[in-house]
Amino acid sequence: MHATDNEIDETTRELVITGIRSTSRKDPFIFSNTALVEINFMAQQSGEGTVDLMFEPGSSTDSNIMNIHNQDILGATEGVTFTIR
């Protein structure tokens, strides 16, 4: 996980999270209620914020989940809005 220098706009930054299954592991790994990452934010002020996943069907440079045949099987993503008090 790393932050990039990419600014989407003056209030939006890009964070890249990458995870792979070990190539030595032959059996499939089932992601069922499995946390991929935990992110802790330090609020600068109260207000609302959003986290969105970059997703474009057919793209290999956005959010992807690959099956055992290296096919992207992610069909959609949904962001989340949160309130800091």
C-alpha atoms as a PDB file:
ATOM      1  CA  MET A   1       0.000   0.000   0.000  1.00  0.00           C
ATOM      2  CA  HIS A   2       1.363   3.399  -0.904  1.00  0.00           C
ATOM      3  CA  ALA A   3       0.154   6.910  -1.570  1.00  0.00           C
ATOM      4  CA  THR A   4       1.027   8.300  -4.971  1.00  0.00           C
ATOM      5  CA  ASP A   5       1.760  11.879  -5.941  1.00  0.00           C
ATOM      6  CA  ASN A   6      -1.345  11.829  -8.137  1.00  0.00           C
ATOM      7  CA  GLU A   7      -3.812  14.530  -7.169  1.00  0.00           C
ATOM      8  CA  ILE A   8      -7.223  13.937  -8.672  1.00  0.00           C
ATOM      9  CA  ASP A   9      -8.237  17.432  -7.535  1.00  0.00           C
ATOM     10  CA  GLU A  10      -7.223  19.703  -4.653  1.00  0.00           C
ATOM     11  CA  THR A  11      -9.046  17.542  -2.071  1.00  0.00           C
ATOM     12  CA  THR A  12      -8.546  14.063  -3.551  1.00  0.00           C
ATOM     13  CA  ARG A  13      -5.409  11.911  -3.441  1.00  0.00           C
ATOM     14  CA  GLU A  14      -4.715   8.442  -4.799  1.00  0.00           C
ATOM     15  CA  LEU A  15      -3.827   5.463  -2.608  1.00  0.00           C
ATOM     16  CA  VAL A  16      -2.733   2.220  -4.287  1.00  0.00           C
ATOM     17  CA  ILE A  17      -3.303  -1.130  -2.574  1.00  0.00           C
ATOM     18  CA  THR A  18      -1.909  -4.273  -4.180  1.00  0.00           C
ATOM     19  CA  GLY A  19      -2.179  -7.859  -3.013  1.00  0.00           C
ATOM     20  CA  ILE A  20      -1.308 -11.162  -4.644  1.00  0.00           C
ATOM     21  CA  ARG A  21      -1.596 -14.821  -3.756  1.00  0.00           C
ATOM     22  CA  SER A  22       1.698 -16.629  -3.408  1.00  0.00           C
ATOM     23  CA  THR A  23       2.682 -18.270  -6.696  1.00  0.00           C
ATOM     24  CA  SER A  24       3.762 -21.349  -4.725  1.00  0.00           C
ATOM     25  CA  ARG A  25       0.212 -21.838  -3.451  1.00  0.00           C
ATOM     26  CA  LYS A  26      -1.659 -24.103  -5.872  1.00  0.00           C
ATOM     27  CA  ASP A  27      -5.110 -24.214  -4.273  1.00  0.00           C
ATOM     28  CA  PRO A  28      -7.482 -21.277  -4.812  1.00  0.00           C
ATOM     29  CA  PHE A  29      -7.943 -18.786  -1.985  1.00  0.00           C
ATOM     30  CA  ILE A  30     -11.548 -17.825  -1.271  1.00  0.00           C
ATOM     31  CA  PHE A  31     -12.100 -14.170  -0.301  1.00  0.00           C
ATOM     32  CA  SER A  32     -15.255 -14.490   1.771  1.00  0.00           C
ATOM     33  CA  ASN A  33     -15.630 -11.771   4.414  1.00  0.00           C
ATOM     34  CA  THR A  34     -11.857 -11.362   4.233  1.00  0.00           C
ATOM     35  CA  ALA A  35     -10.294  -7.997   5.037  1.00  0.00           C
ATOM     36  CA  LEU A  36      -7.758  -7.018   2.397  1.00  0.00           C
ATOM     37  CA  VAL A  37      -6.521  -3.891   4.148  1.00  0.00           C
ATOM     38  CA  GLU A  38      -7.220  -1.740   7.198  1.00  0.00           C
ATOM     39  CA  ILE A  39      -6.686   1.999   6.765  1.00  0.00           C
ATOM     40  CA  ASN A  40      -6.524   4.452   9.670  1.00  0.00           C
ATOM     41  CA  PHE A  41      -7.157   8.117   8.919  1.00  0.00           C
ATOM     42  CA  MET A  42      -6.132  11.053  11.071  1.00  0.00           C
ATOM     43  CA  ALA A  43      -8.836  13.678  10.713  1.00  0.00           C
ATOM     44  CA  GLN A  44      -7.786  17.284  10.201  1.00  0.00           C
ATOM     45  CA  GLN A  45     -11.308  18.566  10.823  1.00  0.00           C
ATOM     46  CA  SER A  46     -14.879  17.341  11.150  1.00  0.00           C
ATOM     47  CA  GLY A  47     -16.995  16.790   8.051  1.00  0.00           C
ATOM     48  CA  GLU A  48     -17.834  14.171   5.460  1.00  0.00           C
ATOM     49  CA  GLY A  49     -15.412  12.165   3.392  1.00  0.00           C
ATOM     50  CA  THR A  50     -15.642   9.509   0.717  1.00  0.00           C
ATOM     51  CA  VAL A  51     -13.574   6.551  -0.366  1.00  0.00           C
ATOM     52  CA  ASP A  52     -14.107   5.347  -3.931  1.00  0.00           C
ATOM     53  CA  LEU A  53     -12.518   2.481  -5.804  1.00  0.00           C
ATOM     54  CA  MET A  54     -11.305   3.188  -9.312  1.00  0.00           C
ATOM     55  CA  PHE A  55     -13.164   0.818 -11.629  1.00  0.00           C
ATOM     56  CA  GLU A  56     -13.744   0.642 -15.359  1.00  0.00           C
ATOM     57  CA  PRO A  57     -15.021  -2.641 -16.853  1.00  0.00           C
ATOM     58  CA  GLY A  58     -12.346  -4.270 -19.012  1.00  0.00           C
ATOM     59  CA  SER A  59      -9.488  -2.116 -17.693  1.00  0.00           C
ATOM     60  CA  SER A  60      -6.425  -3.754 -16.151  1.00  0.00           C
ATOM     61  CA  THR A  61      -5.125  -0.565 -14.515  1.00  0.00           C
ATOM     62  CA  ASP A  62      -7.927  -0.076 -11.984  1.00  0.00           C
ATOM     63  CA  SER A  63      -9.535  -2.232  -9.266  1.00  0.00           C
ATOM     64  CA  ASN A  64      -9.312  -5.896 -10.239  1.00  0.00           C
ATOM     65  CA  ILE A  65      -9.965  -9.283  -8.695  1.00  0.00           C
ATOM     66  CA  MET A  66      -8.434 -12.125 -10.659  1.00  0.00           C
ATOM     67  CA  ASN A  67      -9.547 -15.746 -10.763  1.00  0.00           C
ATOM     68  CA  ILE A  68      -7.214 -18.752 -11.047  1.00  0.00           C
ATOM     69  CA  HIS A  69      -7.184 -18.288 -14.837  1.00  0.00           C
ATOM     70  CA  ASN A  70      -5.918 -14.676 -14.537  1.00  0.00           C
ATOM     71  CA  GLN A  71      -9.273 -13.305 -15.654  1.00  0.00           C
ATOM     72  CA  ASP A  72     -10.642 -10.153 -14.049  1.00  0.00           C
ATOM     73  CA  ILE A  73     -13.917 -11.171 -12.377  1.00  0.00           C
ATOM     74  CA  LEU A  74     -14.720  -7.887 -10.641  1.00  0.00           C
ATOM     75  CA  GLY A  75     -18.095  -6.698 -11.927  1.00  0.00           C
ATOM     76  CA  ALA A  76     -18.650  -3.495  -9.937  1.00  0.00           C
ATOM     77  CA  THR A  77     -17.365  -1.452  -7.016  1.00  0.00           C
ATOM     78  CA  GLU A  78     -19.137   0.713  -4.474  1.00  0.00           C
ATOM     79  CA  GLY A  79     -17.626   3.566  -2.519  1.00  0.00           C
ATOM     80  CA  VAL A  80     -18.391   4.595   1.032  1.00  0.00           C
ATOM     81  CA  THR A  81     -19.164   7.959   2.638  1.00  0.00           C
ATOM     82  CA  PHE A  82     -18.254   8.588   6.253  1.00  0.00           C
ATOM     83  CA  THR A  83     -18.748  11.392   8.774  1.00  0.00           C
ATOM     84  CA  ILE A  84     -16.008  12.690  11.084  1.00  0.00           C
ATOM     85  CA  ARG A  85     -17.285  14.427  14.214  1.00  0.00           C
END
